[in-house]
Amino acid sequence: MPIPSIRPLRALPVLLLATMLACRNTADGVQKDAAKTTEKMAEAGAEAGDAISGGAKTVDVKTALLADSLVTGADINVDTDHESRTVTLSGEVASAAMRARAEQVAKDNATGYSVVNNLTVPAR
């Protein structure tokens, strides 16, 4: 019976070392990818939070306009930009007094935001 050669066994340490280095590189890459993913998710979460905050202001102002007996809120469009912290009113109202009242209602319900009043009153 022939004696097995020891030569293939000499390559074993080199093979093990190469495998260990490859695994370490893979683990480091996975860790870096996970960190990048976490960072991107945090950014997306912050953007979503801003959108939700802006949307909440829009709902607050619109609800207050609809509830106010001196304003026809259904004809008033409310847009909110959370980044610039601005609430914009647009649309058409029946009178200058209603335009002013809508602006005041928006200011009262959009604390921390500036209000841009783009409401128009039709000419008579």
Protein backbone atom coordinates (compact mmCIF):
# COMPACT_ATOMS: atom_id res chain seq x y z
CA MET A 1 0.00 0.00 0.00
CA PRO A 2 1.45 3.39 -0.97
CA ILE A 3 2.10 5.98 1.72
CA PRO A 4 0.07 9.20 1.23
CA SER A 5 2.08 12.23 0.28
CA ILE A 6 2.53 14.94 2.88
CA ARG A 7 2.73 17.61 0.20
CA PRO A 8 -1.03 18.41 0.11
CA LEU A 9 -0.96 18.85 3.89
CA ARG A 10 1.67 21.61 3.53
CA ALA A 11 -0.85 23.72 1.60
CA LEU A 12 -3.46 23.36 4.34
CA PRO A 13 -2.14 26.22 6.60
CA VAL A 14 -2.00 28.56 3.61
CA LEU A 15 -5.53 27.57 2.62
CA LEU A 16 -6.80 28.09 6.18
CA LEU A 17 -5.12 31.51 6.40
CA ALA A 18 -6.62 32.60 3.08
CA THR A 19 -10.08 31.43 4.18
CA MET A 20 -9.80 33.28 7.49
CA LEU A 21 -8.75 36.52 5.75
CA ALA A 22 -11.58 36.22 3.25
CA CYS A 23 -14.10 35.69 6.06
CA ARG A 24 -12.75 38.67 7.96
CA ASN A 25 -13.01 40.89 4.85
CA THR A 26 -16.57 39.67 4.32
CA ALA A 27 -17.48 40.34 7.96
CA ASP A 28 -15.97 43.84 7.80
CA GLY A 29 -17.87 44.52 4.58
CA VAL A 30 -21.13 43.33 6.09
CA GLN A 31 -20.54 45.50 9.15
CA LYS A 32 -19.84 48.58 6.99
CA ASP A 33 -22.89 47.86 4.84
CA ALA A 34 -25.04 47.54 7.96
CA ALA A 35 -23.74 50.87 9.28
CA LYS A 36 -24.52 52.59 5.96
CA THR A 37 -27.99 51.05 5.88
CA THR A 38 -28.67 52.19 9.43
CA GLU A 39 -27.57 55.72 8.55
CA LYS A 40 -29.80 55.82 5.46
CA MET A 41 -32.75 54.49 7.45
CA ALA A 42 -32.24 57.21 10.06
CA GLU A 43 -32.22 59.87 7.33
CA ALA A 44 -35.37 58.42 5.79
CA GLY A 45 -37.00 58.31 9.21
CA ALA A 46 -36.18 61.97 9.80
CA GLU A 47 -37.66 62.90 6.41
CA ALA A 48 -40.79 60.89 7.15
CA GLY A 49 -41.06 62.57 10.54
CA ASP A 50 -40.85 65.98 8.87
CA ALA A 51 -43.57 65.01 6.41
CA ILE A 52 -45.78 63.77 9.23
CA SER A 53 -45.21 66.95 11.27
CA GLY A 54 -46.05 69.11 8.26
CA GLY A 55 -49.11 66.99 7.54
CA ALA A 56 -50.26 67.33 11.13
CA LYS A 57 -50.08 71.13 10.88
CA THR A 58 -52.08 71.01 7.66
CA VAL A 59 -54.77 68.92 9.39
CA ASP A 60 -54.80 71.22 12.44
CA VAL A 61 -55.27 74.35 10.35
CA LYS A 62 -57.78 72.84 7.93
CA THR A 63 -59.87 71.41 10.79
CA ALA A 64 -59.89 74.79 12.54
CA LEU A 65 -60.94 76.55 9.31
CA LEU A 66 -63.78 74.09 8.78
CA ALA A 67 -64.93 74.51 12.39
CA ASP A 68 -64.88 78.32 12.30
CA SER A 69 -68.35 79.73 11.64
CA LEU A 70 -66.95 82.93 10.09
CA VAL A 71 -64.94 81.13 7.38
CA THR A 72 -66.00 78.91 4.50
CA GLY A 73 -63.11 76.49 5.05
CA ALA A 74 -64.11 74.04 2.33
CA ASP A 75 -62.88 76.47 -0.35
CA ILE A 76 -59.51 77.05 1.30
CA ASN A 77 -56.48 74.96 0.40
CA VAL A 78 -53.87 74.53 3.15
CA ASP A 79 -50.29 73.54 2.27
CA THR A 80 -47.53 73.10 4.83
CA ASP A 81 -43.79 73.11 4.27
CA HIS A 82 -42.21 71.71 7.42
CA GLU A 83 -38.68 72.51 6.27
CA SER A 84 -39.37 76.24 5.93
CA ARG A 85 -42.03 76.06 8.67
CA THR A 86 -44.60 77.78 6.47
CA VAL A 87 -48.35 77.27 6.11
CA THR A 88 -49.80 78.61 2.85
CA LEU A 89 -53.49 79.38 2.37
CA SER A 90 -54.83 79.50 -1.17
CA GLY A 91 -58.21 79.55 -2.85
CA GLU A 92 -61.09 81.98 -3.04
CA VAL A 93 -63.15 83.43 -0.19
CA ALA A 94 -66.23 85.67 -0.27
CA SER A 95 -64.86 88.77 1.44
CA ALA A 96 -61.81 90.58 2.73
CA ALA A 97 -63.06 89.96 6.28
CA MET A 98 -63.19 86.21 5.62
CA ARG A 99 -59.68 86.35 4.14
CA ALA A 100 -58.37 88.08 7.28
CA ARG A 101 -60.25 85.68 9.59
CA ALA A 102 -58.83 82.63 7.76
CA GLU A 103 -55.32 84.00 8.20
CA GLN A 104 -55.90 84.56 11.92
CA VAL A 105 -57.30 81.03 12.37
CA ALA A 106 -54.25 79.62 10.56
CA LYS A 107 -51.85 81.62 12.75
CA ASP A 108 -53.65 80.49 15.91
CA ASN A 109 -53.38 76.83 14.88
CA ALA A 110 -49.93 76.74 13.28
CA THR A 111 -47.80 77.68 16.26
CA GLY A 112 -44.15 78.00 15.26
CA TYR A 113 -45.02 78.39 11.57
CA SER A 114 -45.36 81.51 9.44
CA VAL A 115 -48.58 81.89 7.46
CA VAL A 116 -48.66 82.99 3.83
CA ASN A 117 -52.12 84.18 2.83
CA ASN A 118 -52.67 83.72 -0.91
CA LEU A 119 -56.46 83.76 -0.60
CA THR A 120 -58.27 85.85 -3.19
CA VAL A 121 -61.54 87.77 -3.01
CA PRO A 122 -63.47 87.95 -6.29
CA ALA A 123 -64.10 91.40 -7.75
CA ARG A 124 -67.70 92.56 -7.62
